[in-house]
Structure formats: C-alpha cells, structure tokens
Amino acid sequence: MKNVYKVVEGKGIIPSGTTEIEKEAFKFCEELEEIVIPASVTKIEEEAFESCINLQTLVLSNNLIEICESAFDGCEKLQDFVIPDSVRVIGEFAFARCQALKNIVIPASVARIGPGAFAHCSNILSIIVEEGNRYYDSRHACNAIIETGNNTLIQGCIGTDIPDETFAIGKYAFAGCNMEHIDIPFCIERIEDSAFCSCNSLEDLVLPDLLRSIGEYAFCYCYNLRNVIVPDLVETIGRDAFYYCDGLKNVLIPDTVRYIGEETFAKCLSLEKIITNKASLLKNAGLPENQVAIVKPE
C-alpha cells in the first residue's frame, strides 16, 4: 500500500482533495475492510484495490466517472454496492472475482463496460441496466447486460434468460457461473473468448443451429461437460476452447469446420470419441495419446 493512503481500524483513509486514486494504491491490503471514496474522487486507477480480500463495504463517490481495469478485482468479500449515476466507464475486470456480489445495477450514465468487468462473480443473482442507458440494456427482464448496438450479451448470471434477438455471447459473459444448464437461443452466431470458462457445474449444453464460431477458451475448465455436438454452420473453434473439460466423452465436428486451434481438447482426460471427417485439423488439438477414437460419421 502506498504511503499517502492509510488504514485505521479496518477503514481506508484517502487524503483530502484527492481526485484520482492511484494505480495499486491499496493492492493486496488485507487490513482494509471498509472504504468510503470521497466526493472529490473522479477516477479509480488500475488495480487500486485489487485483492483486498477482506474489503466488505464500499461507498463510491457521487462524482466518480471512471473505474479502471481490475480496480476491485479479487475483492472476494465485497458486498453489494451502488454504482453512482456519474460513472461512465467500468474497465476490464474491474469487479472480477468478487464472489460475494449478488446484485448489479448499471446506471443510465455508463457508456463503456470492459470485457470481464464482473467475470467469475459466481454468486450474482440479479443484473439490471437502468432505463435510459443509450449503450446497454436488460431487455425483456433478461437478467443480463446486453450491448445495445450489436446485440451482444456481455454479462450474464445463473438466472439469465438470453433474449432471442441476441447475436453473440461476449467475452467472459458467463465465466465462473455455477449453472448446470443454459438455453442458448438459435440466433446466436458467435460464442466469444472465455464466454463460459470455469462453469464447473455445466453439464447440459446444446449449441445453437446458427452458430458460426467458438472462441478461444470458450468452455475451458467446464469439468462436468459430457457431450458436445458442434452445429453444421460452425467454421472455427478457437485454441483451448474445451481445455480441461475432463468429463467430456464425445464430440461431433461437422464438415463446415475449417480451423481447430491448438490445445482445443488438451487435458480432456475422459475423451473417448470424436466423430468427424476433419481428422487433419486435430493434429495440434492436444488429444490425449492413444485414447481417443476418431471416427468418420455414418
């Protein structure tokens, strides 16, 4: 922790008149339990409170404009807090790995949310974007954040109902979510990088018919995933897409696939069979040696 900042009896002290909380200001500060960000603060820099593992209470400045990358990443005890309607930017991984968070309300003022802003917050139950936001919405009470301009779902949770007009599931959208099943509507064309990474309880997965690409690390560490049928329109499967899915047994890959990334099936220790005509694409896919039967479709 930097010298200008103090913690007294668990409460963070920020110098009077501070306008920006510096990068790594309280990083790894285990004594910090409570912080009230003064009204003078308009920006919280990168990693300012990262891994403050005992921080529970957060009150943000009503004049705050920007919360930068990983500002509160790893604050695993952080309880629900209010994002003020002055905030315009929430950076990449800003509140990632905040396991105690249960509710997210995005105010109408927010114009940019970075990838993974709430990634691996596995206990989130409710997500709302306030009416009047020009850039994001929670249409049809979907319990998610949708980027309005491109119809991409960028943050979901265990209770999300993906709207039919959504075209993509964004990076880290469901990363760390403890769901056993999810209904992905037919209209989804892209599943982006790490979208379902570490969904440890996910067992039942039906990929949509219009899907064209599966991103890097899309389903990595989905330990309980058993069977995957890749739809007929898919052309690319990114590297490590199914890395360490050690319960995965059977995969069907269609003829439309023209690229399979490196280590796509590495550490899939239970993998028994891949049905495909594209065996040549599996050369660097990390298949367990002498274990997997590659079979042509009937």
Protein backbone atom coordinates (compact mmCIF):
# COMPACT_ATOMS: atom_id res chain seq x y z
CA MET A 1 0.00 0.00 0.00
CA LYS A 2 1.33 3.43 -0.93
CA ASN A 3 2.38 5.80 1.86
CA VAL A 4 -0.22 8.52 1.16
CA TYR A 5 -3.03 6.06 1.90
CA LYS A 6 -3.77 4.62 5.34
CA VAL A 7 -5.96 2.02 7.01
CA VAL A 8 -7.14 2.70 10.55
CA GLU A 9 -9.15 0.01 12.35
CA GLY A 10 -10.10 -1.54 9.01
CA LYS A 11 -11.23 1.74 7.41
CA GLY A 12 -9.36 3.16 4.41
CA ILE A 13 -8.26 6.78 4.63
CA ILE A 14 -7.89 8.78 1.41
CA PRO A 15 -6.19 12.21 1.60
CA SER A 16 -8.48 15.23 1.41
CA GLY A 17 -8.88 16.73 -2.05
CA THR A 18 -7.78 13.55 -3.88
CA THR A 19 -9.19 13.44 -7.42
CA GLU A 20 -7.68 10.15 -8.60
CA ILE A 21 -6.88 7.07 -6.52
CA GLU A 22 -3.53 5.89 -7.82
CA LYS A 23 -2.71 2.61 -9.51
CA GLU A 24 -2.22 -0.19 -6.94
CA ALA A 25 -2.95 2.26 -4.10
CA PHE A 26 -4.38 -0.37 -1.74
CA LYS A 27 -3.45 -3.51 -3.70
CA PHE A 28 -3.16 -6.65 -1.54
CA CYS A 29 -4.12 -4.65 1.57
CA GLU A 30 -5.57 -7.34 3.82
CA GLU A 31 -6.34 -4.92 6.69
CA LEU A 32 -8.84 -2.99 4.58
CA GLU A 33 -12.47 -3.81 5.44
CA GLU A 34 -14.31 -0.61 4.60
CA ILE A 35 -13.73 2.34 2.25
CA VAL A 36 -15.73 5.49 1.57
CA ILE A 37 -14.48 7.17 -1.60
CA PRO A 38 -14.64 10.96 -1.04
CA ALA A 39 -16.70 13.21 -3.31
CA SER A 40 -13.55 14.77 -4.79
CA VAL A 41 -12.56 11.48 -6.50
CA THR A 42 -13.46 11.19 -10.19
CA LYS A 43 -11.22 8.25 -11.18
CA ILE A 44 -10.05 4.99 -9.60
CA GLU A 45 -6.91 3.79 -11.38
CA GLU A 46 -5.91 0.25 -12.39
CA GLU A 47 -5.67 -2.35 -9.62
CA ALA A 48 -6.22 0.29 -6.94
CA PHE A 49 -7.99 -2.16 -4.63
CA GLU A 50 -7.09 -5.44 -6.30
CA SER A 51 -7.10 -8.47 -3.99
CA CYS A 52 -8.21 -6.57 -0.89
CA ILE A 53 -9.59 -9.89 0.29
CA ASN A 54 -11.27 -8.54 3.44
CA LEU A 55 -12.92 -5.49 1.90
CA GLN A 56 -16.66 -5.77 2.54
CA THR A 57 -18.11 -2.26 2.46
CA LEU A 58 -17.66 0.14 -0.47
CA VAL A 59 -19.22 3.57 -0.91
CA LEU A 60 -18.29 5.19 -4.22
CA SER A 61 -18.01 8.93 -4.87
CA ASN A 62 -21.09 10.56 -6.38
CA ASN A 63 -18.73 12.37 -8.76
CA LEU A 64 -16.88 9.25 -9.90
CA ILE A 65 -16.53 8.98 -13.70
CA GLU A 66 -14.15 6.09 -14.36
CA ILE A 67 -13.40 2.78 -12.63
CA CYS A 68 -10.31 1.39 -14.35
CA GLU A 69 -9.09 -2.09 -15.18
CA SER A 70 -9.01 -4.58 -12.27
CA ALA A 71 -9.73 -1.79 -9.77
CA PHE A 72 -11.55 -4.16 -7.38
CA ASP A 73 -10.57 -7.50 -8.92
CA GLY A 74 -10.35 -10.26 -6.33
CA CYS A 75 -12.19 -8.43 -3.53
CA GLU A 76 -13.87 -11.69 -2.66
CA LYS A 77 -15.86 -10.45 0.37
CA LEU A 78 -17.13 -7.25 -1.23
CA GLN A 79 -20.87 -6.87 -0.58
CA ASP A 80 -23.38 -5.20 -2.90
CA PHE A 81 -22.69 -1.51 -3.51
CA VAL A 82 -24.19 1.33 -5.54
CA ILE A 83 -22.59 2.43 -8.81
CA PRO A 84 -23.30 6.19 -8.91
CA ASP A 85 -25.10 7.72 -11.88
CA SER A 86 -21.98 9.80 -12.59
CA VAL A 87 -19.98 6.74 -13.75
CA ARG A 88 -19.33 6.49 -17.48
CA VAL A 89 -16.60 3.81 -17.71
CA ILE A 90 -16.23 0.45 -15.96
CA GLY A 91 -12.94 -1.10 -17.04
CA GLU A 92 -11.93 -4.63 -17.95
CA PHE A 93 -12.08 -6.98 -14.91
CA ALA A 94 -12.99 -4.01 -12.69
CA PHE A 95 -15.02 -6.20 -10.31
CA ALA A 96 -13.91 -9.66 -11.41
CA ARG A 97 -13.70 -12.42 -8.79
CA CYS A 98 -15.90 -10.54 -6.31
CA GLN A 99 -17.54 -13.71 -5.05
CA ALA A 100 -19.88 -12.09 -2.52
CA LEU A 101 -21.65 -9.85 -5.04
CA LYS A 102 -25.28 -10.80 -5.59
CA ASN A 103 -26.81 -7.81 -7.39
CA ILE A 104 -25.59 -5.48 -10.16
CA VAL A 105 -27.34 -2.29 -11.22
CA ILE A 106 -25.78 -0.41 -14.16
CA PRO A 107 -26.87 3.24 -14.21
CA ALA A 108 -28.02 5.06 -17.34
CA SER A 109 -24.79 7.11 -17.37
CA VAL A 110 -22.47 4.16 -18.20
CA ALA A 111 -21.16 4.31 -21.78
CA ARG A 112 -18.45 1.63 -21.70
CA ILE A 113 -18.06 -1.67 -19.86
CA GLY A 114 -14.82 -3.56 -20.48
CA PRO A 115 -14.69 -7.33 -21.09
CA GLY A 116 -14.91 -9.39 -17.94
CA ALA A 117 -15.90 -6.45 -15.73
CA PHE A 118 -17.82 -8.88 -13.50
CA ALA A 119 -16.18 -12.14 -14.59
CA HIS A 120 -16.03 -15.03 -12.12
CA CYS A 121 -18.55 -13.38 -9.77
CA SER A 122 -20.20 -16.75 -9.32
CA ASN A 123 -22.97 -15.74 -6.89
CA ILE A 124 -24.66 -12.97 -8.87
CA LEU A 125 -28.42 -13.43 -8.90
CA SER A 126 -29.73 -10.16 -10.36
CA ILE A 127 -28.49 -7.87 -13.16
CA ILE A 128 -30.33 -4.69 -14.18
CA VAL A 129 -29.44 -1.91 -16.59
CA GLU A 130 -31.40 1.22 -15.76
CA GLU A 131 -33.82 2.63 -18.30
CA GLY A 132 -32.40 5.40 -20.46
CA ASN A 133 -28.94 3.92 -20.99
CA ARG A 134 -28.01 4.50 -24.65
CA TYR A 135 -25.36 1.78 -24.83
CA TYR A 136 -26.57 -1.16 -22.73
CA ASP A 137 -29.88 -2.71 -21.77
CA SER A 138 -31.56 -5.57 -19.92
CA ARG A 139 -34.36 -6.08 -22.42
CA HIS A 140 -37.29 -8.32 -21.53
CA ALA A 141 -36.06 -8.52 -17.92
CA CYS A 142 -33.38 -10.92 -19.19
CA ASN A 143 -31.19 -10.63 -16.06
CA ALA A 144 -28.13 -9.73 -18.14
CA ILE A 145 -26.25 -6.84 -19.72
CA ILE A 146 -26.76 -6.54 -23.48
CA GLU A 147 -24.64 -4.21 -25.60
CA THR A 148 -27.44 -2.48 -27.46
CA GLY A 149 -25.64 -1.53 -30.68
CA ASN A 150 -24.51 -5.04 -31.63
CA ASN A 151 -26.91 -7.23 -29.62
CA THR A 152 -24.08 -8.92 -27.72
CA LEU A 153 -24.68 -10.28 -24.24
CA ILE A 154 -21.65 -9.16 -22.23
CA GLN A 155 -22.62 -10.26 -18.72
CA GLY A 156 -24.96 -12.96 -17.54
CA CYS A 157 -25.63 -14.91 -14.36
CA ILE A 158 -27.27 -18.10 -13.17
CA GLY A 159 -30.76 -16.67 -13.77
CA THR A 160 -30.18 -15.18 -17.21
CA ASP A 161 -32.74 -15.70 -19.96
CA ILE A 162 -30.85 -14.94 -23.20
CA PRO A 163 -33.14 -12.87 -25.48
CA ASP A 164 -33.94 -14.29 -28.92
CA GLU A 165 -32.60 -11.23 -30.74
CA THR A 166 -29.11 -11.62 -29.24
CA PHE A 167 -26.42 -12.40 -31.85
CA ALA A 168 -23.35 -13.09 -29.71
CA ILE A 169 -22.28 -14.12 -26.23
CA GLY A 170 -19.37 -11.87 -25.34
CA LYS A 171 -16.01 -12.45 -23.69
CA TYR A 172 -16.26 -13.78 -20.12
CA ALA A 173 -20.06 -13.30 -20.19
CA PHE A 174 -20.75 -16.36 -18.04
CA ALA A 175 -17.22 -17.08 -16.77
CA GLY A 176 -17.36 -18.77 -13.39
CA CYS A 177 -21.16 -19.07 -13.36
CA ASN A 178 -22.38 -22.09 -11.39
CA MET A 179 -25.25 -23.15 -13.66
CA GLU A 180 -25.93 -26.76 -14.62
CA HIS A 181 -27.86 -25.88 -17.79
CA ILE A 182 -28.32 -22.92 -20.12
CA ASP A 183 -30.66 -22.40 -23.04
CA ILE A 184 -28.76 -20.71 -25.88
CA PRO A 185 -31.23 -19.39 -28.47
CA PHE A 186 -30.96 -20.38 -32.13
CA CYS A 187 -29.97 -16.83 -33.22
CA ILE A 188 -26.54 -16.84 -31.51
CA GLU A 189 -23.81 -16.71 -34.18
CA ARG A 190 -20.71 -16.25 -32.01
CA ILE A 191 -19.56 -17.52 -28.66
CA GLU A 192 -16.57 -15.34 -27.85
CA ASP A 193 -13.36 -15.97 -25.90
CA SER A 194 -13.79 -17.42 -22.37
CA ALA A 195 -17.56 -16.92 -22.55
CA PHE A 196 -18.29 -20.00 -20.41
CA CYS A 197 -14.85 -20.53 -18.88
CA SER A 198 -14.92 -22.28 -15.50
CA CYS A 199 -18.65 -23.05 -15.49
CA ASN A 200 -17.80 -26.01 -13.31
CA SER A 201 -21.37 -27.27 -12.90
CA LEU A 202 -22.38 -27.05 -16.56
CA GLU A 203 -23.46 -30.48 -17.77
CA ASP A 204 -26.14 -29.90 -20.39
CA LEU A 205 -25.11 -27.88 -23.43
CA VAL A 206 -26.94 -27.60 -26.74
CA LEU A 207 -25.19 -25.27 -29.17
CA PRO A 208 -27.49 -23.25 -31.47
CA ASP A 209 -28.02 -24.07 -35.14
CA LEU A 210 -26.86 -20.66 -36.42
CA LEU A 211 -23.57 -20.71 -34.51
CA ARG A 212 -20.53 -19.93 -36.71
CA SER A 213 -17.61 -19.59 -34.32
CA ILE A 214 -16.47 -20.78 -30.90
CA GLY A 215 -13.84 -18.53 -29.34
CA GLU A 216 -10.60 -19.27 -27.53
CA TYR A 217 -11.05 -20.80 -24.05
CA ALA A 218 -14.83 -20.61 -24.59
CA PHE A 219 -15.62 -23.68 -22.46
CA CYS A 220 -12.30 -24.36 -20.73
CA TYR A 221 -12.48 -25.84 -17.23
CA CYS A 222 -16.11 -26.93 -17.64
CA TYR A 223 -15.32 -30.08 -15.72
CA ASN A 224 -18.79 -31.65 -15.87
CA LEU A 225 -19.50 -31.14 -19.56
CA ARG A 226 -20.13 -34.58 -21.09
CA ASN A 227 -21.04 -34.38 -24.78
CA VAL A 228 -20.70 -31.67 -27.44
CA ILE A 229 -22.35 -31.55 -30.86
CA VAL A 230 -20.83 -28.76 -32.94
CA PRO A 231 -23.56 -27.35 -35.24
CA ASP A 232 -23.34 -27.58 -39.03
CA LEU A 233 -22.55 -23.89 -39.68
CA VAL A 234 -19.53 -23.62 -37.37
CA GLU A 235 -16.30 -22.75 -39.20
CA THR A 236 -13.80 -22.06 -36.40
CA ILE A 237 -13.10 -23.50 -32.96
CA GLY A 238 -10.54 -21.41 -31.07
CA ARG A 239 -7.50 -22.64 -29.21
CA ASP A 240 -8.13 -24.21 -25.79
CA ALA A 241 -11.88 -23.96 -26.41
CA PHE A 242 -12.52 -27.16 -24.42
CA TYR A 243 -9.29 -27.26 -22.43
CA TYR A 244 -9.52 -29.32 -19.24
CA CYS A 245 -13.11 -30.41 -19.79
CA ASP A 246 -12.08 -33.62 -18.09
CA GLY A 247 -15.60 -35.09 -18.09
CA LEU A 248 -16.02 -34.66 -21.86
CA LYS A 249 -16.54 -38.01 -23.59
CA ASN A 250 -17.90 -37.47 -27.09
CA VAL A 251 -17.63 -34.69 -29.68
CA LEU A 252 -19.21 -34.35 -33.11
CA ILE A 253 -17.42 -31.97 -35.51
CA PRO A 254 -19.12 -31.16 -38.86
CA ASP A 255 -17.54 -30.78 -42.31
CA THR A 256 -18.01 -26.99 -42.23
CA VAL A 257 -15.23 -26.58 -39.67
CA ARG A 258 -12.06 -25.29 -41.33
CA TYR A 259 -9.98 -24.37 -38.27
CA ILE A 260 -9.42 -26.01 -34.87
CA GLY A 261 -6.97 -24.18 -32.61
CA GLU A 262 -4.06 -25.58 -30.66
CA GLU A 263 -4.77 -27.49 -27.45
CA THR A 264 -8.52 -27.32 -28.08
CA PHE A 265 -9.05 -30.69 -26.37
CA ALA A 266 -5.95 -30.78 -24.14
CA LYS A 267 -6.48 -32.29 -20.67
CA CYS A 268 -9.83 -33.78 -21.73
CA LEU A 269 -8.92 -36.88 -19.77
CA SER A 270 -12.20 -38.75 -20.33
CA LEU A 271 -12.49 -38.06 -24.06
CA GLU A 272 -13.28 -41.30 -25.90
CA LYS A 273 -14.55 -40.43 -29.36
CA ILE A 274 -14.57 -37.63 -31.92
CA ILE A 275 -16.86 -38.08 -34.90
CA THR A 276 -15.60 -36.08 -37.87
CA ASN A 277 -14.27 -36.06 -41.44
CA LYS A 278 -11.77 -33.38 -40.41
CA ALA A 279 -9.19 -35.51 -38.61
CA SER A 280 -6.35 -33.49 -40.20
CA LEU A 281 -7.45 -30.42 -38.22
CA LEU A 282 -6.93 -32.25 -34.92
CA LYS A 283 -3.15 -32.58 -35.33
CA ASN A 284 -2.35 -29.90 -32.73
CA ALA A 285 -5.58 -30.13 -30.73
CA GLY A 286 -3.89 -31.72 -27.72
CA LEU A 287 -5.77 -35.02 -27.82
CA PRO A 288 -4.79 -37.47 -25.07
CA GLU A 289 -2.37 -40.00 -26.60
CA ASN A 290 -3.68 -43.43 -27.64
CA GLN A 291 -7.03 -42.74 -26.01
CA VAL A 292 -9.36 -41.04 -28.48
CA ALA A 293 -11.03 -42.81 -31.39
CA ILE A 294 -11.51 -40.53 -34.40
CA VAL A 295 -14.46 -41.92 -36.33
CA LYS A 296 -15.99 -40.83 -39.60
CA PRO A 297 -19.72 -40.09 -39.48
CA GLU A 298 -22.05 -42.73 -40.86
